[in-house]
Amino acid sequence: MTRPSTPTAAWRPGMPGGDNLPSGPGGRPTPPSGDGYGPQAGRPTVTLGSYPDYPSAQRVVDYLADNRFPVERTAIVGTDLTLVETVMGRLTTGRAALLGAGTGAWFGLFIGLLFGIFTAGNWLAVILVGLVIGAIWGAVFGAVAHAMSGGQRDFTSASSLRAGQYAVTVDAELAEQARQALGRMHLTPTGVTAR
């Protein structure tokens, strides 16, 4: 086994010998564009304002759209994100079976519809059989999966992301035009209204 006489380092732009990349099986590689620290950033943007809720930020963009501003150059950016998991209720083996039956029924309905399309006889019976079999197997799998969890998660929940505030940004070259359009509106406690 041979070892190189000099230690090798990861390639970085601007390093001595950075233009001497070794050839690989696909030929001679070309160095990546940019500074080597990830993708290039988009166009520079300016924040027009920050709002406590999404409907207020949405009204600002809607107002700009109503005034013929190119809203495809704007963005609503949620900051201070928080993951909120709302507990919906207790999960028992019976409820897990019921939830599994509902999921299995939808899947069985889908499979029944696929088979029903190609059935020459009673296609409605094929769809109903698929629905019933899907519900039964879904209930079995739901109950077994809950029983195997060993009581680790005996509740159902729904997760959502919430932002602390919402900023409306616009491309820097259109910032002055957007500010002029927004100068004709004002923000009230209930939201944005035109003057």
Protein backbone atom coordinates (compact mmCIF):
# COMPACT_ATOMS: atom_id res chain seq x y z
CA MET A 1 0.00 0.00 0.00
CA THR A 2 1.41 3.37 -0.99
CA ARG A 3 0.80 6.63 0.75
CA PRO A 4 1.07 10.08 -0.75
CA SER A 5 4.18 11.97 0.29
CA THR A 6 2.20 15.12 1.14
CA PRO A 7 -1.00 15.30 3.15
CA THR A 8 -4.12 15.92 1.09
CA ALA A 9 -6.69 18.52 2.06
CA ALA A 10 -10.18 19.18 0.84
CA TRP A 11 -10.27 21.35 -2.26
CA ARG A 12 -11.14 24.97 -1.67
CA PRO A 13 -11.12 27.85 -4.15
CA GLY A 14 -8.15 30.14 -3.91
CA MET A 15 -5.86 27.46 -2.46
CA PRO A 16 -2.49 26.93 -4.10
CA GLY A 17 -2.88 24.11 -6.60
CA GLY A 18 -6.65 24.57 -6.56
CA ASP A 19 -6.62 24.57 -10.35
CA ASN A 20 -4.86 21.19 -10.44
CA LEU A 21 -7.83 18.94 -9.77
CA PRO A 22 -7.12 15.28 -10.51
CA SER A 23 -9.03 13.71 -13.39
CA GLY A 24 -11.67 11.16 -12.57
CA PRO A 25 -13.53 8.45 -14.48
CA GLY A 26 -15.72 11.08 -16.17
CA GLY A 27 -12.75 13.18 -17.32
CA ARG A 28 -11.23 16.32 -15.93
CA PRO A 29 -13.56 17.97 -13.39
CA THR A 30 -14.24 21.67 -13.33
CA PRO A 31 -14.24 23.51 -10.03
CA PRO A 32 -17.61 24.68 -8.75
CA SER A 33 -18.57 28.28 -9.33
CA GLY A 34 -18.84 30.66 -6.43
CA ASP A 35 -16.89 30.70 -3.21
CA GLY A 36 -17.27 26.96 -2.45
CA TYR A 37 -19.55 27.58 0.52
CA GLY A 38 -22.93 26.62 -0.92
CA PRO A 39 -25.25 27.89 -3.60
CA GLN A 40 -25.20 31.51 -4.68
CA ALA A 41 -27.71 33.74 -2.96
CA GLY A 42 -30.58 35.12 -5.02
CA ARG A 43 -31.11 38.74 -5.84
CA PRO A 44 -30.60 41.19 -2.97
CA THR A 45 -33.83 41.99 -1.13
CA VAL A 46 -35.13 44.74 1.13
CA THR A 47 -37.62 44.25 3.97
CA LEU A 48 -40.64 46.50 3.51
CA GLY A 49 -42.11 45.74 6.93
CA SER A 50 -42.70 43.12 9.61
CA TYR A 51 -46.19 42.11 10.75
CA PRO A 52 -47.39 40.12 13.77
CA ASP A 53 -49.62 37.77 11.76
CA TYR A 54 -49.81 36.27 8.30
CA PRO A 55 -53.08 37.96 7.22
CA SER A 56 -51.50 41.42 7.69
CA ALA A 57 -48.49 40.50 5.54
CA GLN A 58 -50.82 38.92 2.99
CA ARG A 59 -52.88 42.14 2.82
CA VAL A 60 -49.73 44.14 2.05
CA VAL A 61 -48.82 41.87 -0.87
CA ASP A 62 -52.45 41.85 -2.03
CA TYR A 63 -52.48 45.67 -1.95
CA LEU A 64 -49.30 45.74 -4.06
CA ALA A 65 -50.89 43.32 -6.54
CA ASP A 66 -54.00 45.50 -6.78
CA ASN A 67 -51.75 48.45 -7.64
CA ARG A 68 -50.05 46.64 -10.55
CA PHE A 69 -46.80 46.00 -8.66
CA PRO A 70 -44.85 42.91 -9.88
CA VAL A 71 -45.60 40.78 -6.81
CA GLU A 72 -43.60 37.87 -8.22
CA ARG A 73 -40.59 39.84 -6.93
CA THR A 74 -41.88 39.85 -3.32
CA ALA A 75 -41.84 37.24 -0.58
CA ILE A 76 -43.48 36.70 2.80
CA VAL A 77 -40.86 35.37 5.21
CA GLY A 78 -41.88 33.85 8.54
CA THR A 79 -39.28 34.27 11.28
CA ASP A 80 -38.93 33.04 14.86
CA LEU A 81 -40.44 29.68 13.91
CA THR A 82 -41.92 27.49 16.62
CA LEU A 83 -43.06 23.88 16.30
CA VAL A 84 -46.39 23.43 18.06
CA GLU A 85 -47.74 19.93 18.67
CA THR A 86 -51.38 20.08 19.66
CA VAL A 87 -52.54 16.99 21.55
CA MET A 88 -55.87 15.84 20.11
CA GLY A 89 -56.72 13.14 22.63
CA ARG A 90 -55.86 9.84 24.26
CA LEU A 91 -54.98 6.93 21.98
CA THR A 92 -56.28 3.53 23.03
CA THR A 93 -56.00 0.27 21.11
CA GLY A 94 -59.65 0.63 20.05
CA ARG A 95 -59.11 4.16 18.77
CA ALA A 96 -55.91 3.09 16.98
CA ALA A 97 -57.92 0.32 15.31
CA LEU A 98 -60.61 2.81 14.31
CA LEU A 99 -58.07 5.24 12.84
CA GLY A 100 -56.38 2.35 11.02
CA ALA A 101 -59.75 1.23 9.66
CA GLY A 102 -60.35 4.69 8.22
CA THR A 103 -56.95 4.80 6.55
CA GLY A 104 -57.33 1.22 5.30
CA ALA A 105 -60.80 2.00 3.92
CA TRP A 106 -59.42 4.83 1.80
CA PHE A 107 -56.65 2.59 0.47
CA GLY A 108 -59.12 -0.25 -0.15
CA LEU A 109 -61.43 2.16 -1.99
CA PHE A 110 -58.54 3.22 -4.21
CA ILE A 111 -57.58 -0.39 -5.00
CA GLY A 112 -61.25 -1.28 -5.52
CA LEU A 113 -61.63 1.59 -8.00
CA LEU A 114 -58.55 0.42 -9.91
CA PHE A 115 -59.87 -3.14 -10.14
CA GLY A 116 -63.42 -1.92 -10.77
CA ILE A 117 -62.34 -0.06 -13.90
CA PHE A 118 -61.18 -3.30 -15.52
CA THR A 119 -64.06 -5.49 -14.30
CA ALA A 120 -66.58 -6.62 -16.88
CA GLY A 121 -69.16 -7.69 -14.27
CA ASN A 122 -70.47 -5.89 -11.21
CA TRP A 123 -67.87 -3.15 -10.66
CA LEU A 124 -69.72 -1.71 -7.65
CA ALA A 125 -69.29 -5.00 -5.75
CA VAL A 126 -65.53 -4.95 -6.48
CA ILE A 127 -65.26 -1.41 -5.09
CA LEU A 128 -67.23 -2.30 -1.94
CA VAL A 129 -65.18 -5.46 -1.34
CA GLY A 130 -61.97 -3.46 -1.67
CA LEU A 131 -63.28 -0.89 0.80
CA VAL A 132 -64.33 -3.51 3.38
CA ILE A 133 -61.11 -5.55 3.11
CA GLY A 134 -59.04 -2.36 3.37
CA ALA A 135 -60.93 -1.27 6.49
CA ILE A 136 -60.50 -4.68 8.15
CA TRP A 137 -56.77 -4.89 7.46
CA GLY A 138 -56.29 -1.24 8.44
CA ALA A 139 -57.99 -1.89 11.78
CA VAL A 140 -55.82 -4.96 12.41
CA PHE A 141 -52.59 -3.15 11.54
CA GLY A 142 -53.60 -0.07 13.57
CA ALA A 143 -54.36 -2.14 16.68
CA VAL A 144 -51.21 -4.27 16.36
CA ALA A 145 -48.97 -1.23 15.79
CA HIS A 146 -50.39 0.50 18.87
CA ALA A 147 -50.05 -2.63 21.00
CA MET A 148 -46.42 -3.06 19.89
CA SER A 149 -45.55 0.52 20.87
CA GLY A 150 -45.72 -0.52 24.54
CA GLY A 151 -47.50 2.66 25.63
CA GLN A 152 -44.72 4.94 24.39
CA ARG A 153 -47.12 7.32 22.65
CA ASP A 154 -50.67 6.98 23.97
CA PHE A 155 -51.99 10.17 22.43
CA THR A 156 -52.79 11.61 19.01
CA SER A 157 -51.51 15.00 17.98
CA ALA A 158 -51.17 17.41 15.08
CA SER A 159 -47.97 19.36 14.48
CA SER A 160 -47.75 22.81 12.93
CA LEU A 161 -45.10 25.47 12.43
CA ARG A 162 -45.90 28.97 13.64
CA ALA A 163 -43.92 32.12 13.01
CA GLY A 164 -43.43 34.89 15.53
CA GLN A 165 -43.61 37.55 12.83
CA TYR A 166 -43.89 37.82 9.06
CA ALA A 167 -41.66 40.07 6.99
CA VAL A 168 -42.58 41.26 3.49
CA THR A 169 -39.48 41.48 1.32
CA VAL A 170 -39.00 42.81 -2.20
CA ASP A 171 -36.11 42.81 -4.66
CA ALA A 172 -33.79 45.75 -3.89
CA GLU A 173 -34.22 47.36 -7.31
CA LEU A 174 -38.00 47.60 -6.80
CA ALA A 175 -37.92 48.70 -3.15
CA GLU A 176 -38.56 52.38 -3.83
CA GLN A 177 -41.48 51.60 -6.15
CA ALA A 178 -42.98 49.34 -3.49
CA ARG A 179 -42.52 51.97 -0.77
CA GLN A 180 -44.30 54.56 -2.91
CA ALA A 181 -47.23 52.19 -3.46
CA LEU A 182 -47.36 51.35 0.26
CA GLY A 183 -47.25 55.05 1.16
CA ARG A 184 -50.94 55.23 0.26
CA MET A 185 -51.95 52.71 2.92
CA HIS A 186 -51.63 52.51 6.68
CA LEU A 187 -51.64 49.70 9.22
CA THR A 188 -54.43 49.70 11.79
CA PRO A 189 -54.71 47.32 14.79
CA THR A 190 -56.93 45.05 12.70
CA GLY A 191 -54.71 45.06 9.62
CA VAL A 192 -53.81 47.05 6.55
CA THR A 193 -56.26 49.45 4.96
CA ALA A 194 -55.97 51.94 2.13
CA ARG A 195 -56.25 55.67 2.83
